[in-house]
Amino acid sequence: MAIFAIHYTYPEDMTEALKVRPEHRAWLSGLPGLRAAGMYQSGHDEFSEGEETVEEPPNGALIVVEAASLADVLATFEEDPYWVGGHVLRRVVREWNPPLGPWVADVSQGNA
């Protein structure tokens, strides 16, 4: 099994999405392999010198799941009520194998 990080970018106006939130949360709560899920709180975007200063939209979330494959994650997340309802502007799904911390997939990795 691998760990996957799913980043959602939501619209600035969450009025319609909030109507579906209970269904979305119930769906997430039933996911096998769910490690963590939640919206980002207020933060600060920083940029390296010389980079464009395009800030992320204010509303986003991070979902961390354990699954057999990227294909499985993509198929599963097609069913998310937020995605089905068009309340996600952008979805980024990446396999994430952290070498440090409680979610270490392979303790022999030893590098970040």
PDB file of N, CA and C in Angstrom:
ATOM      1  N   MET A   1       0.844  -1.182   0.000  1.00  0.00           N
ATOM      2  CA  MET A   1       0.000   0.000   0.000  1.00  0.00           C
ATOM      3  C   MET A   1       0.889   1.245   0.000  1.00  0.00           C
ATOM      4  N   ALA A   2       0.413   2.277  -0.652  1.00  0.00           N
ATOM      5  CA  ALA A   2       1.135   3.543  -0.726  1.00  0.00           C
ATOM      6  C   ALA A   2       0.278   4.638  -0.097  1.00  0.00           C
ATOM      7  N   ILE A   3       0.927   5.739   0.214  1.00  0.00           N
ATOM      8  CA  ILE A   3       0.230   6.900   0.763  1.00  0.00           C
ATOM      9  C   ILE A   3       0.098   7.931  -0.349  1.00  0.00           C
ATOM     10  N   PHE A   4      -1.068   8.577  -0.412  1.00  0.00           N
ATOM     11  CA  PHE A   4      -1.339   9.589  -1.426  1.00  0.00           C
ATOM     12  C   PHE A   4      -1.822  10.869  -0.755  1.00  0.00           C
ATOM     13  N   ALA A   5      -1.334  11.993  -1.256  1.00  0.00           N
ATOM     14  CA  ALA A   5      -1.787  13.303  -0.810  1.00  0.00           C
ATOM     15  C   ALA A   5      -2.660  13.881  -1.914  1.00  0.00           C
ATOM     16  N   ILE A   6      -3.850  14.290  -1.546  1.00  0.00           N
ATOM     17  CA  ILE A   6      -4.792  14.883  -2.501  1.00  0.00           C
ATOM     18  C   ILE A   6      -5.023  16.323  -2.071  1.00  0.00           C
ATOM     19  N   HIS A   7      -4.705  17.256  -2.952  1.00  0.00           N
ATOM     20  CA  HIS A   7      -4.904  18.682  -2.674  1.00  0.00           C
ATOM     21  C   HIS A   7      -6.104  19.159  -3.481  1.00  0.00           C
ATOM     22  N   TYR A   8      -7.060  19.759  -2.804  1.00  0.00           N
ATOM     23  CA  TYR A   8      -8.223  20.360  -3.461  1.00  0.00           C
ATOM     24  C   TYR A   8      -8.087  21.873  -3.398  1.00  0.00           C
ATOM     25  N   THR A   9      -8.440  22.540  -4.485  1.00  0.00           N
ATOM     26  CA  THR A   9      -8.607  23.983  -4.499  1.00  0.00           C
ATOM     27  C   THR A   9     -10.087  24.249  -4.722  1.00  0.00           C
ATOM     28  N   TYR A  10     -10.662  25.017  -3.811  1.00  0.00           N
ATOM     29  CA  TYR A  10     -12.096  25.327  -3.861  1.00  0.00           C
ATOM     30  C   TYR A  10     -12.318  26.746  -4.376  1.00  0.00           C
ATOM     31  N   PRO A  11     -13.538  27.043  -4.831  1.00  0.00           N
ATOM     32  CA  PRO A  11     -13.851  28.414  -5.221  1.00  0.00           C
ATOM     33  C   PRO A  11     -13.800  29.340  -4.008  1.00  0.00           C
ATOM     34  N   GLU A  12     -13.615  30.618  -4.267  1.00  0.00           N
ATOM     35  CA  GLU A  12     -13.591  31.593  -3.182  1.00  0.00           C
ATOM     36  C   GLU A  12     -14.940  31.631  -2.463  1.00  0.00           C
ATOM     37  N   ASP A  13     -16.012  31.543  -3.223  1.00  0.00           N
ATOM     38  CA  ASP A  13     -17.356  31.526  -2.637  1.00  0.00           C
ATOM     39  C   ASP A  13     -17.755  30.068  -2.408  1.00  0.00           C
ATOM     40  N   MET A  14     -17.818  29.676  -1.147  1.00  0.00           N
ATOM     41  CA  MET A  14     -18.116  28.290  -0.785  1.00  0.00           C
ATOM     42  C   MET A  14     -19.600  28.057  -0.481  1.00  0.00           C
ATOM     43  N   THR A  15     -20.452  29.011  -0.778  1.00  0.00           N
ATOM     44  CA  THR A  15     -21.874  28.917  -0.421  1.00  0.00           C
ATOM     45  C   THR A  15     -22.499  27.623  -0.918  1.00  0.00           C
ATOM     46  N   GLU A  16     -22.333  27.309  -2.184  1.00  0.00           N
ATOM     47  CA  GLU A  16     -22.944  26.091  -2.741  1.00  0.00           C
ATOM     48  C   GLU A  16     -22.273  24.830  -2.202  1.00  0.00           C
ATOM     49  N   ALA A  17     -20.964  24.869  -2.058  1.00  0.00           N
ATOM     50  CA  ALA A  17     -20.246  23.696  -1.553  1.00  0.00           C
ATOM     51  C   ALA A  17     -20.672  23.362  -0.125  1.00  0.00           C
ATOM     52  N   LEU A  18     -20.926  24.378   0.679  1.00  0.00           N
ATOM     53  CA  LEU A  18     -21.309  24.134   2.067  1.00  0.00           C
ATOM     54  C   LEU A  18     -22.638  23.385   2.174  1.00  0.00           C
ATOM     55  N   LYS A  19     -23.467  23.499   1.156  1.00  0.00           N
ATOM     56  CA  LYS A  19     -24.739  22.754   1.149  1.00  0.00           C
ATOM     57  C   LYS A  19     -24.491  21.252   1.019  1.00  0.00           C
ATOM     58  N   VAL A  20     -23.367  20.885   0.395  1.00  0.00           N
ATOM     59  CA  VAL A  20     -23.029  19.489   0.148  1.00  0.00           C
ATOM     60  C   VAL A  20     -22.031  18.968   1.192  1.00  0.00           C
ATOM     61  N   ARG A  21     -21.530  19.854   2.040  1.00  0.00           N
ATOM     62  CA  ARG A  21     -20.485  19.475   2.994  1.00  0.00           C
ATOM     63  C   ARG A  21     -20.834  18.242   3.830  1.00  0.00           C
ATOM     64  N   PRO A  22     -22.041  18.129   4.395  1.00  0.00           N
ATOM     65  CA  PRO A  22     -22.336  16.922   5.186  1.00  0.00           C
ATOM     66  C   PRO A  22     -22.191  15.631   4.378  1.00  0.00           C
ATOM     67  N   GLU A  23     -22.638  15.645   3.124  1.00  0.00           N
ATOM     68  CA  GLU A  23     -22.510  14.470   2.255  1.00  0.00           C
ATOM     69  C   GLU A  23     -21.032  14.195   1.943  1.00  0.00           C
ATOM     70  N   HIS A  24     -20.276  15.266   1.665  1.00  0.00           N
ATOM     71  CA  HIS A  24     -18.839  15.142   1.388  1.00  0.00           C
ATOM     72  C   HIS A  24     -18.109  14.551   2.590  1.00  0.00           C
ATOM     73  N   ARG A  25     -18.401  15.057   3.786  1.00  0.00           N
ATOM     74  CA  ARG A  25     -17.726  14.567   4.995  1.00  0.00           C
ATOM     75  C   ARG A  25     -18.111  13.125   5.308  1.00  0.00           C
ATOM     76  N   ALA A  26     -19.369  12.780   5.097  1.00  0.00           N
ATOM     77  CA  ALA A  26     -19.793  11.392   5.321  1.00  0.00           C
ATOM     78  C   ALA A  26     -19.068  10.468   4.344  1.00  0.00           C
ATOM     79  N   TRP A  27     -18.941  10.911   3.093  1.00  0.00           N
ATOM     80  CA  TRP A  27     -18.229  10.118   2.083  1.00  0.00           C
ATOM     81  C   TRP A  27     -16.772   9.925   2.497  1.00  0.00           C
ATOM     82  N   LEU A  28     -16.098  11.020   2.907  1.00  0.00           N
ATOM     83  CA  LEU A  28     -14.704  10.930   3.349  1.00  0.00           C
ATOM     84  C   LEU A  28     -14.561  10.003   4.547  1.00  0.00           C
ATOM     85  N   SER A  29     -15.470  10.123   5.501  1.00  0.00           N
ATOM     86  CA  SER A  29     -15.397   9.314   6.721  1.00  0.00           C
ATOM     87  C   SER A  29     -15.490   7.824   6.432  1.00  0.00           C
ATOM     88  N   GLY A  30     -16.137   7.461   5.342  1.00  0.00           N
ATOM     89  CA  GLY A  30     -16.277   6.060   4.975  1.00  0.00           C
ATOM     90  C   GLY A  30     -15.159   5.513   4.105  1.00  0.00           C
ATOM     91  N   LEU A  31     -14.181   6.356   3.765  1.00  0.00           N
ATOM     92  CA  LEU A  31     -13.095   5.904   2.892  1.00  0.00           C
ATOM     93  C   LEU A  31     -12.163   4.942   3.605  1.00  0.00           C
ATOM     94  N   PRO A  32     -11.951   3.759   3.048  1.00  0.00           N
ATOM     95  CA  PRO A  32     -10.922   2.890   3.619  1.00  0.00           C
ATOM     96  C   PRO A  32      -9.551   3.536   3.370  1.00  0.00           C
ATOM     97  N   GLY A  33      -8.695   3.499   4.351  1.00  0.00           N
ATOM     98  CA  GLY A  33      -7.356   4.059   4.182  1.00  0.00           C
ATOM     99  C   GLY A  33      -7.237   5.543   4.456  1.00  0.00           C
ATOM    100  N   LEU A  34      -8.321   6.197   4.883  1.00  0.00           N
ATOM    101  CA  LEU A  34      -8.237   7.632   5.175  1.00  0.00           C
ATOM    102  C   LEU A  34      -7.296   7.853   6.357  1.00  0.00           C
ATOM    103  N   ARG A  35      -6.313   8.715   6.164  1.00  0.00           N
ATOM    104  CA  ARG A  35      -5.366   9.050   7.233  1.00  0.00           C
ATOM    105  C   ARG A  35      -5.705  10.393   7.869  1.00  0.00           C
ATOM    106  N   ALA A  36      -6.076  11.376   7.030  1.00  0.00           N
ATOM    107  CA  ALA A  36      -6.394  12.717   7.524  1.00  0.00           C
ATOM    108  C   ALA A  36      -7.099  13.482   6.407  1.00  0.00           C
ATOM    109  N   ALA A  37      -7.945  14.423   6.799  1.00  0.00           N
ATOM    110  CA  ALA A  37      -8.618  15.263   5.807  1.00  0.00           C
ATOM    111  C   ALA A  37      -9.072  16.551   6.476  1.00  0.00           C
ATOM    112  N   GLY A  38      -8.948  17.644   5.774  1.00  0.00           N
ATOM    113  CA  GLY A  38      -9.447  18.906   6.301  1.00  0.00           C
ATOM    114  C   GLY A  38      -9.028  20.089   5.461  1.00  0.00           C
ATOM    115  N   MET A  39      -9.802  21.171   5.616  1.00  0.00           N
ATOM    116  CA  MET A  39      -9.496  22.419   4.929  1.00  0.00           C
ATOM    117  C   MET A  39      -8.299  23.086   5.582  1.00  0.00           C
ATOM    118  N   TYR A  40      -7.546  23.791   4.751  1.00  0.00           N
ATOM    119  CA  TYR A  40      -6.461  24.604   5.279  1.00  0.00           C
ATOM    120  C   TYR A  40      -7.056  25.772   6.050  1.00  0.00           C
ATOM    121  N   GLN A  41      -6.334  26.222   7.048  1.00  0.00           N
ATOM    122  CA  GLN A  41      -6.709  27.415   7.797  1.00  0.00           C
ATOM    123  C   GLN A  41      -5.938  28.596   7.232  1.00  0.00           C
ATOM    124  N   SER A  42      -6.153  29.760   7.791  1.00  0.00           N
ATOM    125  CA  SER A  42      -5.429  30.949   7.334  1.00  0.00           C
ATOM    126  C   SER A  42      -3.939  30.680   7.346  1.00  0.00           C
ATOM    127  N   GLY A  43      -3.247  31.217   6.376  1.00  0.00           N
ATOM    128  CA  GLY A  43      -1.820  30.965   6.283  1.00  0.00           C
ATOM    129  C   GLY A  43      -1.096  32.091   5.597  1.00  0.00           C
ATOM    130  N   HIS A  44       0.039  31.766   5.056  1.00  0.00           N
ATOM    131  CA  HIS A  44       0.892  32.763   4.425  1.00  0.00           C
ATOM    132  C   HIS A  44       1.620  32.106   3.262  1.00  0.00           C
ATOM    133  N   ASP A  45       1.488  32.667   2.082  1.00  0.00           N
ATOM    134  CA  ASP A  45       2.208  32.176   0.912  1.00  0.00           C
ATOM    135  C   ASP A  45       3.528  32.935   0.806  1.00  0.00           C
ATOM    136  N   GLU A  46       4.614  32.203   0.637  1.00  0.00           N
ATOM    137  CA  GLU A  46       5.922  32.832   0.453  1.00  0.00           C
ATOM    138  C   GLU A  46       6.502  32.407  -0.878  1.00  0.00           C
ATOM    139  N   PHE A  47       7.360  33.239  -1.418  1.00  0.00           N
ATOM    140  CA  PHE A  47       7.937  32.982  -2.718  1.00  0.00           C
ATOM    141  C   PHE A  47       9.434  33.196  -2.684  1.00  0.00           C
ATOM    142  N   SER A  48      10.166  32.367  -3.408  1.00  0.00           N
ATOM    143  CA  SER A  48      11.600  32.565  -3.553  1.00  0.00           C
ATOM    144  C   SER A  48      11.837  33.797  -4.413  1.00  0.00           C
ATOM    145  N   GLU A  49      12.978  34.415  -4.216  1.00  0.00           N
ATOM    146  CA  GLU A  49      13.312  35.602  -4.983  1.00  0.00           C
ATOM    147  C   GLU A  49      13.258  35.293  -6.473  1.00  0.00           C
ATOM    148  N   GLY A  50      12.590  36.141  -7.222  1.00  0.00           N
ATOM    149  CA  GLY A  50      12.502  35.979  -8.662  1.00  0.00           C
ATOM    150  C   GLY A  50      11.322  35.149  -9.136  1.00  0.00           C
ATOM    151  N   GLU A  51      10.603  34.504  -8.215  1.00  0.00           N
ATOM    152  CA  GLU A  51       9.439  33.712  -8.628  1.00  0.00           C
ATOM    153  C   GLU A  51       8.214  34.603  -8.752  1.00  0.00           C
ATOM    154  N   GLU A  52       7.287  34.176  -9.602  1.00  0.00           N
ATOM    155  CA  GLU A  52       6.022  34.894  -9.709  1.00  0.00           C
ATOM    156  C   GLU A  52       5.304  34.840  -8.370  1.00  0.00           C
ATOM    157  N   THR A  53       4.605  35.887  -8.056  1.00  0.00           N
ATOM    158  CA  THR A  53       3.918  35.956  -6.774  1.00  0.00           C
ATOM    159  C   THR A  53       2.410  35.730  -6.952  1.00  0.00           C
ATOM    160  N   VAL A  54       2.058  34.587  -7.471  1.00  0.00           N
ATOM    161  CA  VAL A  54       0.655  34.227  -7.639  1.00  0.00           C
ATOM    162  C   VAL A  54       0.262  33.382  -6.429  1.00  0.00           C
ATOM    163  N   GLU A  55      -0.578  33.943  -5.578  1.00  0.00           N
ATOM    164  CA  GLU A  55      -0.974  33.216  -4.375  1.00  0.00           C
ATOM    165  C   GLU A  55      -2.047  32.193  -4.694  1.00  0.00           C
ATOM    166  N   GLU A  56      -2.040  31.128  -3.918  1.00  0.00           N
ATOM    167  CA  GLU A  56      -3.088  30.114  -4.019  1.00  0.00           C
ATOM    168  C   GLU A  56      -4.421  30.734  -3.618  1.00  0.00           C
ATOM    169  N   PRO A  57      -5.525  30.266  -4.194  1.00  0.00           N
ATOM    170  CA  PRO A  57      -6.825  30.723  -3.713  1.00  0.00           C
ATOM    171  C   PRO A  57      -6.951  30.417  -2.211  1.00  0.00           C
ATOM    172  N   PRO A  58      -7.756  31.200  -1.494  1.00  0.00           N
ATOM    173  CA  PRO A  58      -7.812  31.058  -0.035  1.00  0.00           C
ATOM    174  C   PRO A  58      -8.421  29.750   0.458  1.00  0.00           C
ATOM    175  N   ASN A  59      -9.225  29.093  -0.349  1.00  0.00           N
ATOM    176  CA  ASN A  59      -9.900  27.877   0.100  1.00  0.00           C
ATOM    177  C   ASN A  59      -9.279  26.645  -0.533  1.00  0.00           C
ATOM    178  N   GLY A  60      -8.821  25.744   0.309  1.00  0.00           N
ATOM    179  CA  GLY A  60      -8.237  24.501  -0.175  1.00  0.00           C
ATOM    180  C   GLY A  60      -8.251  23.475   0.932  1.00  0.00           C
ATOM    181  N   ALA A  61      -7.920  22.253   0.580  1.00  0.00           N
ATOM    182  CA  ALA A  61      -7.913  21.180   1.563  1.00  0.00           C
ATOM    183  C   ALA A  61      -6.839  20.160   1.213  1.00  0.00           C
ATOM    184  N   LEU A  62      -6.468  19.391   2.218  1.00  0.00           N
ATOM    185  CA  LEU A  62      -5.530  18.292   2.046  1.00  0.00           C
ATOM    186  C   LEU A  62      -6.189  17.030   2.573  1.00  0.00           C
ATOM    187  N   ILE A  63      -6.126  15.984   1.765  1.00  0.00           N
ATOM    188  CA  ILE A  63      -6.649  14.678   2.150  1.00  0.00           C
ATOM    189  C   ILE A  63      -5.498  13.693   1.981  1.00  0.00           C
ATOM    190  N   VAL A  64      -5.267  12.874   2.975  1.00  0.00           N
ATOM    191  CA  VAL A  64      -4.201  11.882   2.921  1.00  0.00           C
ATOM    192  C   VAL A  64      -4.837  10.502   3.072  1.00  0.00           C
ATOM    193  N   VAL A  65      -4.574   9.635   2.088  1.00  0.00           N
ATOM    194  CA  VAL A  65      -5.152   8.292   2.107  1.00  0.00           C
ATOM    195  C   VAL A  65      -4.074   7.259   1.801  1.00  0.00           C
ATOM    196  N   GLU A  66      -4.337   6.048   2.247  1.00  0.00           N
ATOM    197  CA  GLU A  66      -3.494   4.916   1.901  1.00  0.00           C
ATOM    198  C   GLU A  66      -4.300   4.077   0.916  1.00  0.00           C
ATOM    199  N   ALA A  67      -3.659   3.678  -0.193  1.00  0.00           N
ATOM    200  CA  ALA A  67      -4.362   2.915  -1.229  1.00  0.00           C
ATOM    201  C   ALA A  67      -3.355   2.061  -1.997  1.00  0.00           C
ATOM    202  N   ALA A  68      -3.881   1.140  -2.778  1.00  0.00           N
ATOM    203  CA  ALA A  68      -3.031   0.223  -3.539  1.00  0.00           C
ATOM    204  C   ALA A  68      -2.351   0.905  -4.723  1.00  0.00           C
ATOM    205  N   SER A  69      -3.020   1.887  -5.348  1.00  0.00           N
ATOM    206  CA  SER A  69      -2.439   2.492  -6.549  1.00  0.00           C
ATOM    207  C   SER A  69      -3.041   3.866  -6.816  1.00  0.00           C
ATOM    208  N   LEU A  70      -2.345   4.622  -7.643  1.00  0.00           N
ATOM    209  CA  LEU A  70      -2.846   5.915  -8.088  1.00  0.00           C
ATOM    210  C   LEU A  70      -4.179   5.737  -8.808  1.00  0.00           C
ATOM    211  N   ALA A  71      -4.278   4.719  -9.638  1.00  0.00           N
ATOM    212  CA  ALA A  71      -5.524   4.457 -10.371  1.00  0.00           C
ATOM    213  C   ALA A  71      -6.689   4.240  -9.408  1.00  0.00           C
ATOM    214  N   ASP A  72      -6.447   3.518  -8.308  1.00  0.00           N
ATOM    215  CA  ASP A  72      -7.499   3.302  -7.320  1.00  0.00           C
ATOM    216  C   ASP A  72      -7.938   4.619  -6.679  1.00  0.00           C
ATOM    217  N   VAL A  73      -6.967   5.470  -6.339  1.00  0.00           N
ATOM    218  CA  VAL A  73      -7.288   6.761  -5.722  1.00  0.00           C
ATOM    219  C   VAL A  73      -8.098   7.616  -6.693  1.00  0.00           C
ATOM    220  N   LEU A  74      -7.645   7.692  -7.937  1.00  0.00           N
ATOM    221  CA  LEU A  74      -8.358   8.504  -8.927  1.00  0.00           C
ATOM    222  C   LEU A  74      -9.791   8.014  -9.123  1.00  0.00           C
ATOM    223  N   ALA A  75      -9.974   6.718  -9.226  1.00  0.00           N
ATOM    224  CA  ALA A  75     -11.324   6.163  -9.402  1.00  0.00           C
ATOM    225  C   ALA A  75     -12.187   6.455  -8.184  1.00  0.00           C
ATOM    226  N   THR A  76     -11.633   6.294  -7.002  1.00  0.00           N
ATOM    227  CA  THR A  76     -12.390   6.547  -5.778  1.00  0.00           C
ATOM    228  C   THR A  76     -12.806   8.000  -5.673  1.00  0.00           C
ATOM    229  N   PHE A  77     -11.881   8.911  -5.953  1.00  0.00           N
ATOM    230  CA  PHE A  77     -12.170  10.332  -5.775  1.00  0.00           C
ATOM    231  C   PHE A  77     -13.062  10.922  -6.866  1.00  0.00           C
ATOM    232  N   GLU A  78     -13.332  10.154  -7.904  1.00  0.00           N
ATOM    233  CA  GLU A  78     -14.345  10.568  -8.883  1.00  0.00           C
ATOM    234  C   GLU A  78     -15.734  10.590  -8.226  1.00  0.00           C
ATOM    235  N   GLU A  79     -15.889   9.869  -7.122  1.00  0.00           N
ATOM    236  CA  GLU A  79     -17.179   9.749  -6.440  1.00  0.00           C
ATOM    237  C   GLU A  79     -17.387  10.775  -5.331  1.00  0.00           C
ATOM    238  N   ASP A  80     -16.376  11.588  -5.039  1.00  0.00           N
ATOM    239  CA  ASP A  80     -16.515  12.588  -3.979  1.00  0.00           C
ATOM    240  C   ASP A  80     -17.642  13.558  -4.342  1.00  0.00           C
ATOM    241  N   PRO A  81     -18.619  13.757  -3.454  1.00  0.00           N
ATOM    242  CA  PRO A  81     -19.714  14.681  -3.745  1.00  0.00           C
ATOM    243  C   PRO A  81     -19.255  16.090  -4.108  1.00  0.00           C
ATOM    244  N   TYR A  82     -18.147  16.557  -3.546  1.00  0.00           N
ATOM    245  CA  TYR A  82     -17.628  17.871  -3.930  1.00  0.00           C
ATOM    246  C   TYR A  82     -17.174  17.854  -5.387  1.00  0.00           C
ATOM    247  N   TRP A  83     -16.500  16.803  -5.798  1.00  0.00           N
ATOM    248  CA  TRP A  83     -16.021  16.685  -7.176  1.00  0.00           C
ATOM    249  C   TRP A  83     -17.196  16.528  -8.135  1.00  0.00           C
ATOM    250  N   VAL A  84     -18.112  15.631  -7.797  1.00  0.00           N
ATOM    251  CA  VAL A  84     -19.285  15.377  -8.644  1.00  0.00           C
ATOM    252  C   VAL A  84     -20.099  16.658  -8.834  1.00  0.00           C
ATOM    253  N   GLY A  85     -20.216  17.452  -7.767  1.00  0.00           N
ATOM    254  CA  GLY A  85     -21.007  18.680  -7.823  1.00  0.00           C
ATOM    255  C   GLY A  85     -20.285  19.872  -8.413  1.00  0.00           C
ATOM    256  N   GLY A  86     -19.026  19.709  -8.818  1.00  0.00           N
ATOM    257  CA  GLY A  86     -18.283  20.807  -9.423  1.00  0.00           C
ATOM    258  C   GLY A  86     -17.768  21.827  -8.419  1.00  0.00           C
ATOM    259  N   HIS A  87     -17.585  21.421  -7.163  1.00  0.00           N
ATOM    260  CA  HIS A  87     -17.142  22.348  -6.118  1.00  0.00           C
ATOM    261  C   HIS A  87     -15.632  22.330  -5.904  1.00  0.00           C
ATOM    262  N   VAL A  88     -14.920  21.602  -6.738  1.00  0.00           N
ATOM    263  CA  VAL A  88     -13.459  21.558  -6.672  1.00  0.00           C
ATOM    264  C   VAL A  88     -12.930  22.159  -7.967  1.00  0.00           C
ATOM    265  N   LEU A  89     -12.169  23.246  -7.854  1.00  0.00           N
ATOM    266  CA  LEU A  89     -11.605  23.890  -9.042  1.00  0.00           C
ATOM    267  C   LEU A  89     -10.414  23.115  -9.583  1.00  0.00           C
ATOM    268  N   ARG A  90      -9.644  22.538  -8.663  1.00  0.00           N
ATOM    269  CA  ARG A  90      -8.433  21.816  -9.061  1.00  0.00           C
ATOM    270  C   ARG A  90      -8.196  20.692  -8.063  1.00  0.00           C
ATOM    271  N   ARG A  91      -7.814  19.542  -8.592  1.00  0.00           N
ATOM    272  CA  ARG A  91      -7.491  18.394  -7.743  1.00  0.00           C
ATOM    273  C   ARG A  91      -6.115  17.891  -8.156  1.00  0.00           C
ATOM    274  N   VAL A  92      -5.189  17.840  -7.198  1.00  0.00           N
ATOM    275  CA  VAL A  92      -3.848  17.335  -7.438  1.00  0.00           C
ATOM    276  C   VAL A  92      -3.683  16.082  -6.585  1.00  0.00           C
ATOM    277  N   VAL A  93      -3.343  14.969  -7.219  1.00  0.00           N
ATOM    278  CA  VAL A  93      -3.170  13.704  -6.511  1.00  0.00           C
ATOM    279  C   VAL A  93      -1.731  13.243  -6.739  1.00  0.00           C
ATOM    280  N   ARG A  94      -1.008  13.033  -5.643  1.00  0.00           N
ATOM    281  CA  ARG A  94       0.384  12.615  -5.744  1.00  0.00           C
ATOM    282  C   ARG A  94       0.652  11.483  -4.773  1.00  0.00           C
ATOM    283  N   GLU A  95       1.418  10.496  -5.241  1.00  0.00           N
ATOM    284  CA  GLU A  95       1.883   9.489  -4.300  1.00  0.00           C
ATOM    285  C   GLU A  95       2.883  10.184  -3.391  1.00  0.00           C
ATOM    286  N   TRP A  96       2.814   9.854  -2.109  1.00  0.00           N
ATOM    287  CA  TRP A  96       3.631  10.542  -1.115  1.00  0.00           C
ATOM    288  C   TRP A  96       4.175   9.497  -0.158  1.00  0.00           C
ATOM    289  N   ASN A  97       5.462   9.281  -0.206  1.00  0.00           N
ATOM    290  CA  ASN A  97       6.095   8.284   0.644  1.00  0.00           C
ATOM    291  C   ASN A  97       7.057   8.975   1.594  1.00  0.00           C
ATOM    292  N   PRO A  98       6.531   9.524   2.692  1.00  0.00           N
ATOM    293  CA  PRO A  98       7.389  10.278   3.602  1.00  0.00           C
ATOM    294  C   PRO A  98       8.436   9.388   4.266  1.00  0.00           C
ATOM    295  N   PRO A  99       9.694   9.819   4.255  1.00  0.00           N
ATOM    296  CA  PRO A  99      10.752   9.012   4.871  1.00  0.00           C
ATOM    297  C   PRO A  99      10.865   9.239   6.382  1.00  0.00           C
ATOM    298  N   LEU A 100      10.174  10.248   6.887  1.00  0.00           N
ATOM    299  CA  LEU A 100      10.229  10.573   8.308  1.00  0.00           C
ATOM    300  C   LEU A 100       8.825  10.723   8.871  1.00  0.00           C
ATOM    301  N   GLY A 101       8.665  10.427  10.139  1.00  0.00           N
ATOM    302  CA  GLY A 101       7.394  10.630  10.814  1.00  0.00           C
ATOM    303  C   GLY A 101       6.573   9.356  10.925  1.00  0.00           C
ATOM    304  N   PRO A 102       5.364   9.494  11.472  1.00  0.00           N
ATOM    305  CA  PRO A 102       4.553   8.313  11.777  1.00  0.00           C
ATOM    306  C   PRO A 102       3.974   7.596  10.559  1.00  0.00           C
ATOM    307  N   TRP A 103       4.031   8.205   9.385  1.00  0.00           N
ATOM    308  CA  TRP A 103       3.459   7.589   8.196  1.00  0.00           C
ATOM    309  C   TRP A 103       4.525   7.024   7.264  1.00  0.00           C
ATOM    310  N   VAL A 104       5.677   6.731   7.771  1.00  0.00           N
ATOM    311  CA  VAL A 104       6.778   6.206   6.966  1.00  0.00           C
ATOM    312  C   VAL A 104       6.351   4.884   6.339  1.00  0.00           C
ATOM    313  N   ALA A 105       6.431   4.845   5.027  1.00  0.00           N
ATOM    314  CA  ALA A 105       6.054   3.635   4.305  1.00  0.00           C
ATOM    315  C   ALA A 105       7.203   2.634   4.275  1.00  0.00           C
ATOM    316  N   ASP A 106       8.428   3.155   4.156  1.00  0.00           N
ATOM    317  CA  ASP A 106       9.604   2.294   4.030  1.00  0.00           C
ATOM    318  C   ASP A 106      10.713   2.865   4.911  1.00  0.00           C
ATOM    319  N   VAL A 107      10.897   2.289   6.095  1.00  0.00           N
ATOM    320  CA  VAL A 107      11.873   2.824   7.038  1.00  0.00           C
ATOM    321  C   VAL A 107      13.306   2.723   6.538  1.00  0.00           C
ATOM    322  N   SER A 108      13.561   1.964   5.508  1.00  0.00           N
ATOM    323  CA  SER A 108      14.920   1.854   4.972  1.00  0.00           C
ATOM    324  C   SER A 108      15.258   3.009   4.029  1.00  0.00           C
ATOM    325  N   GLN A 109      14.241   3.837   3.652  1.00  0.00           N
ATOM    326  CA  GLN A 109      14.477   4.961   2.733  1.00  0.00           C
ATOM    327  C   GLN A 109      15.505   5.938   3.293  1.00  0.00           C
ATOM    328  N   GLY A 110      15.203   6.503   4.456  1.00  0.00           N
ATOM    329  CA  GLY A 110      16.132   7.358   5.171  1.00  0.00           C
ATOM    330  C   GLY A 110      16.479   8.696   4.541  1.00  0.00           C
ATOM    331  N   ASN A 111      15.750   9.148   3.505  1.00  0.00           N
ATOM    332  CA  ASN A 111      16.037  10.482   2.960  1.00  0.00           C
ATOM    333  C   ASN A 111      14.725  11.202   2.663  1.00  0.00           C
ATOM    334  N   ALA A 112      14.779  12.511   2.622  1.00  0.00           N
ATOM    335  CA  ALA A 112      13.581  13.309   2.381  1.00  0.00           C
ATOM    336  C   ALA A 112      13.466  13.734   0.941  1.00  0.00           C
TER     337      ALA A 112
END
